[in-house]
Amino acid sequence: MIPQEFSKWSYFNICLAASGDLEALEIWQLAGVDMTMCSYDGQTPIEVARATGCKEVVEFLKQAALYQTQNGEYIEFTACPRS
């Protein structure tokens, strides 16, 4: 069974990669989301971007993976509405 948190973030990354939404992927990366996380079927965002022909997204994801490997740190991002 796949943890709900895992499938939620990986699903968003896969959708953004498939649609070529580079700006949203950049925001996710800044928020600390793992850009190399696999979906439930084992596909990574970079594989999906390659399959859909999103060359700019592929290059971004390559750089994001390289930076993640070198840095190894994440920013915790939490947001909640003001009451």
C-alpha atoms as a PDB file:
ATOM      1  CA  MET A   1       0.000   0.000   0.000  1.00  0.00           C
ATOM      2  CA  ILE A   2       1.260   3.483  -0.888  1.00  0.00           C
ATOM      3  CA  PRO A   3       1.104   6.144   1.832  1.00  0.00           C
ATOM      4  CA  GLN A   4      -1.423   8.879   1.035  1.00  0.00           C
ATOM      5  CA  GLU A   5       1.166  11.665   1.429  1.00  0.00           C
ATOM      6  CA  PHE A   6       3.495   9.961  -1.037  1.00  0.00           C
ATOM      7  CA  SER A   7       0.866   9.503  -3.729  1.00  0.00           C
ATOM      8  CA  LYS A   8      -0.513  13.044  -3.347  1.00  0.00           C
ATOM      9  CA  TRP A   9       2.811  14.825  -3.956  1.00  0.00           C
ATOM     10  CA  SER A  10       3.965  12.467  -6.659  1.00  0.00           C
ATOM     11  CA  TYR A  11       0.621  12.851  -8.440  1.00  0.00           C
ATOM     12  CA  PHE A  12       0.972  16.651  -8.501  1.00  0.00           C
ATOM     13  CA  ASN A  13       4.542  16.449  -9.804  1.00  0.00           C
ATOM     14  CA  ILE A  14       3.546  13.997 -12.537  1.00  0.00           C
ATOM     15  CA  CYS A  15       0.624  16.189 -13.628  1.00  0.00           C
ATOM     16  CA  LEU A  16       2.774  19.317 -13.717  1.00  0.00           C
ATOM     17  CA  ALA A  17       5.514  17.542 -15.666  1.00  0.00           C
ATOM     18  CA  ALA A  18       3.006  16.110 -18.158  1.00  0.00           C
ATOM     19  CA  SER A  19       1.408  19.503 -18.746  1.00  0.00           C
ATOM     20  CA  GLY A  20       4.756  21.286 -19.064  1.00  0.00           C
ATOM     21  CA  ASP A  21       3.987  23.691 -16.217  1.00  0.00           C
ATOM     22  CA  LEU A  22       7.542  24.789 -15.518  1.00  0.00           C
ATOM     23  CA  GLU A  23       6.570  27.711 -13.286  1.00  0.00           C
ATOM     24  CA  ALA A  24       4.543  25.486 -10.948  1.00  0.00           C
ATOM     25  CA  LEU A  25       7.368  22.926 -10.794  1.00  0.00           C
ATOM     26  CA  GLU A  26       9.791  25.705  -9.842  1.00  0.00           C
ATOM     27  CA  ILE A  27       7.462  26.760  -7.027  1.00  0.00           C
ATOM     28  CA  TRP A  28       7.180  23.164  -5.794  1.00  0.00           C
ATOM     29  CA  GLN A  29      10.950  22.841  -5.809  1.00  0.00           C
ATOM     30  CA  LEU A  30      11.357  26.038  -3.793  1.00  0.00           C
ATOM     31  CA  ALA A  31       8.815  24.663  -1.334  1.00  0.00           C
ATOM     32  CA  GLY A  32      10.998  21.600  -0.862  1.00  0.00           C
ATOM     33  CA  VAL A  33       9.042  18.978  -2.761  1.00  0.00           C
ATOM     34  CA  ASP A  34      11.149  16.037  -3.957  1.00  0.00           C
ATOM     35  CA  MET A  35      11.278  16.361  -7.745  1.00  0.00           C
ATOM     36  CA  THR A  36      12.445  12.766  -8.158  1.00  0.00           C
ATOM     37  CA  MET A  37       9.578  11.106  -6.308  1.00  0.00           C
ATOM     38  CA  CYS A  38       7.927   8.268  -8.247  1.00  0.00           C
ATOM     39  CA  SER A  39       4.219   7.884  -8.812  1.00  0.00           C
ATOM     40  CA  TYR A  40       2.311   4.761  -7.827  1.00  0.00           C
ATOM     41  CA  ASP A  41       3.310   3.094 -11.118  1.00  0.00           C
ATOM     42  CA  GLY A  42       7.001   3.924 -10.731  1.00  0.00           C
ATOM     43  CA  GLN A  43       7.188   6.818 -13.204  1.00  0.00           C
ATOM     44  CA  THR A  44       9.166   9.890 -12.270  1.00  0.00           C
ATOM     45  CA  PRO A  45       8.273  13.434 -13.373  1.00  0.00           C
ATOM     46  CA  ILE A  46      11.296  13.526 -15.692  1.00  0.00           C
ATOM     47  CA  GLU A  47      10.158  10.336 -17.447  1.00  0.00           C
ATOM     48  CA  VAL A  48       6.695  11.796 -17.975  1.00  0.00           C
ATOM     49  CA  ALA A  49       8.138  15.097 -19.240  1.00  0.00           C
ATOM     50  CA  ARG A  50      10.312  13.190 -21.739  1.00  0.00           C
ATOM     51  CA  ALA A  51       7.337  11.137 -22.920  1.00  0.00           C
ATOM     52  CA  THR A  52       5.250  14.265 -23.499  1.00  0.00           C
ATOM     53  CA  GLY A  53       8.061  16.162 -25.225  1.00  0.00           C
ATOM     54  CA  CYS A  54       8.439  18.918 -22.609  1.00  0.00           C
ATOM     55  CA  LYS A  55      12.137  19.620 -23.173  1.00  0.00           C
ATOM     56  CA  GLU A  56      12.360  22.655 -20.866  1.00  0.00           C
ATOM     57  CA  VAL A  57      10.754  20.682 -18.046  1.00  0.00           C
ATOM     58  CA  VAL A  58      13.175  17.792 -18.613  1.00  0.00           C
ATOM     59  CA  GLU A  59      16.148  20.161 -18.315  1.00  0.00           C
ATOM     60  CA  PHE A  60      14.708  21.772 -15.198  1.00  0.00           C
ATOM     61  CA  LEU A  61      14.092  18.391 -13.562  1.00  0.00           C
ATOM     62  CA  LYS A  62      17.646  17.273 -14.387  1.00  0.00           C
ATOM     63  CA  GLN A  63      19.024  20.359 -12.655  1.00  0.00           C
ATOM     64  CA  ALA A  64      16.620  19.952  -9.733  1.00  0.00           C
ATOM     65  CA  ALA A  65      17.755  16.352  -9.211  1.00  0.00           C
ATOM     66  CA  LEU A  66      21.400  17.410  -9.378  1.00  0.00           C
ATOM     67  CA  TYR A  67      20.880  20.208  -6.859  1.00  0.00           C
ATOM     68  CA  GLN A  68      18.908  17.916  -4.560  1.00  0.00           C
ATOM     69  CA  THR A  69      21.714  15.357  -4.623  1.00  0.00           C
ATOM     70  CA  GLN A  70      24.332  17.996  -3.835  1.00  0.00           C
ATOM     71  CA  ASN A  71      22.358  19.924  -1.249  1.00  0.00           C
ATOM     72  CA  GLY A  72      20.311  17.186   0.397  1.00  0.00           C
ATOM     73  CA  GLU A  73      18.248  19.689   2.346  1.00  0.00           C
ATOM     74  CA  TYR A  74      14.627  20.684   2.084  1.00  0.00           C
ATOM     75  CA  ILE A  75      12.623  23.651   3.226  1.00  0.00           C
ATOM     76  CA  GLU A  76       9.543  22.677   5.178  1.00  0.00           C
ATOM     77  CA  PHE A  77       6.574  24.475   3.689  1.00  0.00           C
ATOM     78  CA  THR A  78       3.322  24.772   5.559  1.00  0.00           C
ATOM     79  CA  ALA A  79       0.468  27.141   5.009  1.00  0.00           C
ATOM     80  CA  CYS A  80      -2.871  27.590   6.646  1.00  0.00           C
ATOM     81  CA  PRO A  81      -5.604  30.172   6.236  1.00  0.00           C
ATOM     82  CA  ARG A  82      -5.862  32.944   8.761  1.00  0.00           C
ATOM     83  CA  SER A  83      -8.849  32.732  10.997  1.00  0.00           C
END
